[in-house]
C-alpha atoms as a PDB file:
ATOM      1  CA  MET A   1      96.099  83.872 112.074  1.00  0.00           C
ATOM      2  CA  THR A   2      95.638  84.504 116.075  1.00  0.00           C
ATOM      3  CA  ALA A   3      92.545  84.342 117.428  1.00  0.00           C
ATOM      4  CA  GLU A   4      92.761  87.777 118.996  1.00  0.00           C
ATOM      5  CA  PHE A   5      92.594  89.003 115.299  1.00  0.00           C
ATOM      6  CA  ALA A   6      90.083  86.979 113.440  1.00  0.00           C
ATOM      7  CA  ALA A   7      86.755  89.266 114.324  1.00  0.00           C
ATOM      8  CA  ASP A   8      88.835  92.125 113.261  1.00  0.00           C
ATOM      9  CA  TYR A   9      88.669  90.935 109.415  1.00  0.00           C
ATOM     10  CA  GLY A  10      84.841  91.480 109.487  1.00  0.00           C
ATOM     11  CA  GLY A  11      84.566  94.976 110.151  1.00  0.00           C
ATOM     12  CA  PRO A  12      83.003  97.392 107.735  1.00  0.00           C
ATOM     13  CA  LEU A  13      85.074  98.570 104.543  1.00  0.00           C
ATOM     14  CA  ASP A  14      86.238 101.861 104.363  1.00  0.00           C
ATOM     15  CA  LEU A  15      87.394 102.468 100.734  1.00  0.00           C
ATOM     16  CA  VAL A  16      88.692 106.286 100.037  1.00  0.00           C
ATOM     17  CA  ASP A  17      89.836 108.300  97.480  1.00  0.00           C
ATOM     18  CA  TYR A  18      93.663 108.721  97.159  1.00  0.00           C
ATOM     19  CA  ASP A  19      95.288 110.748 100.183  1.00  0.00           C
ATOM     20  CA  GLN A  20      98.216 112.858  99.093  1.00  0.00           C
ATOM     21  CA  SER A  21      99.739 112.069 102.784  1.00  0.00           C
ATOM     22  CA  TRP A  22     100.047 108.193 102.096  1.00  0.00           C
ATOM     23  CA  PRO A  23     103.635 108.707 100.704  1.00  0.00           C
ATOM     24  CA  ALA A  24     104.440 110.514 103.783  1.00  0.00           C
ATOM     25  CA  LYS A  25     102.597 108.223 106.361  1.00  0.00           C
ATOM     26  CA  PHE A  26     104.608 105.404 104.218  1.00  0.00           C
ATOM     27  CA  ALA A  27     107.851 107.425 105.026  1.00  0.00           C
ATOM     28  CA  TYR A  28     107.174 107.763 109.067  1.00  0.00           C
ATOM     29  CA  TYR A  29     106.504 104.253 109.003  1.00  0.00           C
ATOM     30  CA  ARG A  30     109.976 102.857 106.742  1.00  0.00           C
ATOM     31  CA  ASP A  31     112.039 105.172 109.093  1.00  0.00           C
ATOM     32  CA  GLU A  32     110.577 104.019 112.107  1.00  0.00           C
ATOM     33  CA  LEU A  33     111.112 100.254 110.354  1.00  0.00           C
ATOM     34  CA  ALA A  34     114.636 101.223 109.544  1.00  0.00           C
ATOM     35  CA  ASP A  35     115.576 102.248 112.787  1.00  0.00           C
ATOM     36  CA  ALA A  36     114.082  99.452 114.740  1.00  0.00           C
ATOM     37  CA  LEU A  37     115.597  96.606 112.262  1.00  0.00           C
ATOM     38  CA  GLY A  38     119.035  97.944 111.231  1.00  0.00           C
ATOM     39  CA  PRO A  39     120.784  96.035 108.564  1.00  0.00           C
ATOM     40  CA  VAL A  40     117.964  93.091 108.768  1.00  0.00           C
ATOM     41  CA  ALA A  41     116.034  95.186 106.944  1.00  0.00           C
ATOM     42  CA  LEU A  42     117.416  94.555 103.429  1.00  0.00           C
ATOM     43  CA  ARG A  43     114.716  96.301 101.299  1.00  0.00           C
ATOM     44  CA  ILE A  44     111.633  98.195 102.580  1.00  0.00           C
ATOM     45  CA  GLU A  45     109.358  99.281 100.372  1.00  0.00           C
ATOM     46  CA  HIS A  46     105.682 100.528 100.267  1.00  0.00           C
ATOM     47  CA  ILE A  47     103.393  98.320  98.384  1.00  0.00           C
ATOM     48  CA  GLY A  48      99.332  97.776  98.004  1.00  0.00           C
ATOM     49  CA  SER A  49      96.945 100.394  96.542  1.00  0.00           C
ATOM     50  CA  THR A  50      98.189 103.373  98.936  1.00  0.00           C
ATOM     51  CA  ALA A  51     101.409 103.139  96.854  1.00  0.00           C
ATOM     52  CA  VAL A  52      99.967 104.075  93.659  1.00  0.00           C
ATOM     53  CA  PRO A  53      98.731 107.767  93.110  1.00  0.00           C
ATOM     54  CA  GLY A  54      95.053 107.887  91.907  1.00  0.00           C
ATOM     55  CA  LEU A  55      94.124 104.687  93.416  1.00  0.00           C
ATOM     56  CA  ALA A  56      91.206 104.015  95.941  1.00  0.00           C
ATOM     57  CA  ALA A  57      92.267 102.362  98.949  1.00  0.00           C
ATOM     58  CA  LYS A  58      91.630 101.148 102.363  1.00  0.00           C
ATOM     59  CA  ASN A  59      93.057 103.676 104.672  1.00  0.00           C
ATOM     60  CA  VAL A  60      96.011 101.702 105.907  1.00  0.00           C
ATOM     61  CA  ILE A  61      99.631 101.503 104.433  1.00  0.00           C
ATOM     62  CA  ASP A  62     100.964  98.328 103.354  1.00  0.00           C
ATOM     63  CA  ILE A  63     104.979  98.071 103.976  1.00  0.00           C
ATOM     64  CA  LEU A  64     107.009  95.191 102.461  1.00  0.00           C
ATOM     65  CA  VAL A  65     109.991  94.378 105.026  1.00  0.00           C
ATOM     66  CA  VAL A  66     112.690  92.298 102.647  1.00  0.00           C
ATOM     67  CA  VAL A  67     114.766  90.279 105.270  1.00  0.00           C
ATOM     68  CA  ALA A  68     117.554  87.646 104.009  1.00  0.00           C
ATOM     69  CA  ASP A  69     115.352  84.553 105.551  1.00  0.00           C
ATOM     70  CA  GLU A  70     112.006  85.109 106.720  1.00  0.00           C
ATOM     71  CA  HIS A  71     112.279  81.928 108.617  1.00  0.00           C
ATOM     72  CA  ASP A  72     114.785  83.306 110.732  1.00  0.00           C
ATOM     73  CA  GLN A  73     111.998  85.150 112.871  1.00  0.00           C
ATOM     74  CA  GLU A  74     114.537  85.856 116.198  1.00  0.00           C
ATOM     75  CA  VAL A  75     116.141  88.308 113.833  1.00  0.00           C
ATOM     76  CA  TYR A  76     113.185  90.562 112.863  1.00  0.00           C
ATOM     77  CA  ARG A  77     110.058  89.938 114.920  1.00  0.00           C
ATOM     78  CA  PRO A  78     111.070  91.390 118.152  1.00  0.00           C
ATOM     79  CA  GLY A  79     112.181  94.742 115.827  1.00  0.00           C
ATOM     80  CA  VAL A  80     109.037  94.789 114.146  1.00  0.00           C
ATOM     81  CA  GLU A  81     107.321  93.961 117.178  1.00  0.00           C
ATOM     82  CA  SER A  82     108.829  96.995 118.711  1.00  0.00           C
ATOM     83  CA  THR A  83     106.704  99.360 116.321  1.00  0.00           C
ATOM     84  CA  GLY A  84     104.014  98.605 118.006  1.00  0.00           C
ATOM     85  CA  MET A  85     102.842  95.549 115.454  1.00  0.00           C
ATOM     86  CA  ALA A  86     101.943  92.310 116.105  1.00  0.00           C
ATOM     87  CA  LEU A  87     102.238  89.134 114.044  1.00  0.00           C
ATOM     88  CA  ALA A  88      98.810  88.101 112.840  1.00  0.00           C
ATOM     89  CA  HIS A  89      99.609  85.373 110.022  1.00  0.00           C
ATOM     90  CA  ARG A  90     103.110  83.711 108.636  1.00  0.00           C
ATOM     91  CA  ASP A  91     102.741  81.319 105.690  1.00  0.00           C
ATOM     92  CA  ALA A  92     106.384  79.343 106.209  1.00  0.00           C
ATOM     93  CA  ALA A  93     105.787  77.870 102.533  1.00  0.00           C
ATOM     94  CA  ALA A  94     105.141  81.477 100.905  1.00  0.00           C
ATOM     95  CA  ARG A  95     107.901  82.707 103.384  1.00  0.00           C
ATOM     96  CA  TRP A  96     106.046  85.732 104.322  1.00  0.00           C
ATOM     97  CA  SER A  97     104.864  86.985 107.575  1.00  0.00           C
ATOM     98  CA  PHE A  98     102.368  89.659 108.052  1.00  0.00           C
ATOM     99  CA  PHE A  99     101.742  91.965 110.648  1.00  0.00           C
ATOM    100  CA  ARG A 100      99.199  94.322 111.646  1.00  0.00           C
ATOM    101  CA  PRO A 101      98.888  97.025 114.886  1.00  0.00           C
ATOM    102  CA  ALA A 102      98.904  95.485 118.009  1.00  0.00           C
ATOM    103  CA  THR A 103      96.092  97.514 119.256  1.00  0.00           C
ATOM    104  CA  PRO A 104      93.172  99.534 117.337  1.00  0.00           C
ATOM    105  CA  PRO A 105      93.456 101.623 115.041  1.00  0.00           C
ATOM    106  CA  ARG A 106      94.448  99.929 111.930  1.00  0.00           C
ATOM    107  CA  THR A 107      96.803 102.354 110.507  1.00  0.00           C
ATOM    108  CA  ARG A 108      99.344  99.643 108.620  1.00  0.00           C
ATOM    109  CA  HIS A 109     100.470  96.446 107.630  1.00  0.00           C
ATOM    110  CA  VAL A 110     103.829  95.087 107.909  1.00  0.00           C
ATOM    111  CA  HIS A 111     104.412  92.084 105.380  1.00  0.00           C
ATOM    112  CA  VAL A 112     107.979  90.342 105.782  1.00  0.00           C
ATOM    113  CA  THR A 113     109.223  88.394 103.244  1.00  0.00           C
ATOM    114  CA  SER A 114     112.374  86.596 102.047  1.00  0.00           C
ATOM    115  CA  SER A 115     115.142  88.396  99.582  1.00  0.00           C
ATOM    116  CA  GLY A 116     114.693  86.930  95.946  1.00  0.00           C
ATOM    117  CA  SER A 117     111.016  85.270  97.128  1.00  0.00           C
ATOM    118  CA  SER A 118     108.189  85.314  94.662  1.00  0.00           C
ATOM    119  CA  HIS A 119     106.059  87.219  97.183  1.00  0.00           C
ATOM    120  CA  GLU A 120     108.840  90.148  97.073  1.00  0.00           C
ATOM    121  CA  ARG A 121     108.683  89.649  93.200  1.00  0.00           C
ATOM    122  CA  VAL A 122     104.638  89.917  93.044  1.00  0.00           C
ATOM    123  CA  GLN A 123     104.221  92.919  95.215  1.00  0.00           C
ATOM    124  CA  LEU A 124     106.839  94.796  93.714  1.00  0.00           C
ATOM    125  CA  LEU A 125     105.724  93.969  90.355  1.00  0.00           C
ATOM    126  CA  PHE A 126     101.838  94.749  90.468  1.00  0.00           C
ATOM    127  CA  VAL A 127     102.974  97.967  92.398  1.00  0.00           C
ATOM    128  CA  ASP A 128     105.335  99.300  89.659  1.00  0.00           C
ATOM    129  CA  PHE A 129     102.568  97.887  86.980  1.00  0.00           C
ATOM    130  CA  LEU A 130     100.020  99.953  88.018  1.00  0.00           C
ATOM    131  CA  ARG A 131     102.017 103.140  88.229  1.00  0.00           C
ATOM    132  CA  ALA A 132     102.958 102.487  84.862  1.00  0.00           C
ATOM    133  CA  HIS A 133      99.440 102.183  83.354  1.00  0.00           C
ATOM    134  CA  ASP A 134      96.594 104.940  84.045  1.00  0.00           C
ATOM    135  CA  LEU A 135      94.039 102.708  82.508  1.00  0.00           C
ATOM    136  CA  ALA A 136      95.083  99.885  84.630  1.00  0.00           C
ATOM    137  CA  VAL A 137      94.656 101.701  87.516  1.00  0.00           C
ATOM    138  CA  ASP A 138      91.170 103.220  86.729  1.00  0.00           C
ATOM    139  CA  ALA A 139      89.994  99.765  85.881  1.00  0.00           C
ATOM    140  CA  TYR A 140      91.487  98.631  89.248  1.00  0.00           C
ATOM    141  CA  ALA A 141      89.633 101.369  91.356  1.00  0.00           C
ATOM    142  CA  GLN A 142      86.412 100.829  89.444  1.00  0.00           C
ATOM    143  CA  VAL A 143      86.231  96.871  90.427  1.00  0.00           C
ATOM    144  CA  LYS A 144      87.158  98.046  94.017  1.00  0.00           C
ATOM    145  CA  ARG A 145      84.556 100.422  94.545  1.00  0.00           C
ATOM    146  CA  ARG A 146      82.042  97.981  92.957  1.00  0.00           C
ATOM    147  CA  LEU A 147      82.960  95.253  95.465  1.00  0.00           C
ATOM    148  CA  ALA A 148      83.369  97.417  98.410  1.00  0.00           C
ATOM    149  CA  ILE A 149      79.430  98.390  97.849  1.00  0.00           C
ATOM    150  CA  ARG A 150      78.275  94.799  97.645  1.00  0.00           C
ATOM    151  CA  PHE A 151      81.010  93.647 100.523  1.00  0.00           C
ATOM    152  CA  ALA A 152      80.890  96.584 102.816  1.00  0.00           C
ATOM    153  CA  ASP A 153      80.542  94.748 105.709  1.00  0.00           C
ATOM    154  CA  ASP A 154      82.844  91.362 104.684  1.00  0.00           C
ATOM    155  CA  ARG A 155      86.554  92.506 104.114  1.00  0.00           C
ATOM    156  CA  GLU A 156      87.608  88.651 103.216  1.00  0.00           C
ATOM    157  CA  GLY A 157      84.735  88.777 100.643  1.00  0.00           C
ATOM    158  CA  TYR A 158      86.041  92.155  99.423  1.00  0.00           C
ATOM    159  CA  THR A 159      89.618  90.892  99.248  1.00  0.00           C
ATOM    160  CA  ARG A 160      88.439  87.245  97.874  1.00  0.00           C
ATOM    161  CA  ALA A 161      86.002  89.200  94.905  1.00  0.00           C
ATOM    162  CA  LYS A 162      89.200  91.260  93.588  1.00  0.00           C
ATOM    163  CA  THR A 163      91.345  87.874  93.131  1.00  0.00           C
ATOM    164  CA  ASP A 164      90.465  86.867  89.467  1.00  0.00           C
ATOM    165  CA  PHE A 165      91.186  91.026  88.870  1.00  0.00           C
ATOM    166  CA  ILE A 166      94.301  90.831  90.465  1.00  0.00           C
ATOM    167  CA  PHE A 167      95.499  87.699  89.038  1.00  0.00           C
ATOM    168  CA  ASP A 168      94.486  88.957  85.338  1.00  0.00           C
ATOM    169  CA  MET A 169      96.752  92.126  86.204  1.00  0.00           C
ATOM    170  CA  LEU A 170      99.496  90.196  87.179  1.00  0.00           C
ATOM    171  CA  ASP A 171      99.668  88.340  83.851  1.00  0.00           C
ATOM    172  CA  ARG A 172      99.743  91.780  82.348  1.00  0.00           C
ATOM    173  CA  ALA A 173     102.061  92.918  84.396  1.00  0.00           C
ATOM    174  CA  GLU A 174     104.141  89.587  83.584  1.00  0.00           C
ATOM    175  CA  GLN A 175     104.235  90.552  80.203  1.00  0.00           C
ATOM    176  CA  TRP A 176     105.065  94.173  80.714  1.00  0.00           C
ATOM    177  CA  ALA A 177     107.783  92.913  82.408  1.00  0.00           C
ATOM    178  CA  ASP A 178     109.040  90.954  80.000  1.00  0.00           C
ATOM    179  CA  GLN A 179     108.344  93.132  77.503  1.00  0.00           C
ATOM    180  CA  TYR A 180     110.434  95.925  79.374  1.00  0.00           C
ATOM    181  CA  GLY A 181     112.910  93.975  81.417  1.00  0.00           C
ATOM    182  CA  TRP A 182     111.487  94.869  84.779  1.00  0.00           C
ATOM    183  CA  THR A 183     113.482  93.164  87.207  1.00  0.00           C
ATOM    184  CA  VAL A 184     113.166  93.490  91.458  1.00  0.00           C
ATOM    185  CA  GLU A 185     117.062  94.499  91.150  1.00  0.00           C
ATOM    186  CA  HIS A 186     116.411  96.902  88.766  1.00  0.00           C
ATOM    187  CA  ARG A 187     113.053  98.783  88.898  1.00  0.00           C
END
């Protein structure tokens, strides 16, 4: 993570009820990225909590951009940055880059990953599993609300505290995927 974003993680955590405008906001950002990236973007998907109807979330749209090879930054990075985003973190081993707005407000995050990567699969599986399971959404919302109070001024703590619940949900999502034949290609 670059130094200019380090302090940005510590601000107050604002968890809000699901907003019916989130899909339209995603569509706007998706179209903007599609125009900037052209055929480099193999897939642009709405991920994270704002992609799940009924789920409380931070008012930040998470977007997954799938490219042929995340390591080939010169192919996608200028296009992503032309939409006002700046690279905030990169994990080469995970084949994942994370972009945030270069200037406030933080309205969206762009996650870039390689086609066929585990990052692509996990992000899409988690959202699809939650969309198909209202009880999981309700349970996740309760966890998020409880943790948002406990970690109101600690975004990193909030994120860390959700990890066990998310891993449990991912285990259930994997079972669901096996049972119903869910794959990234046939979702």
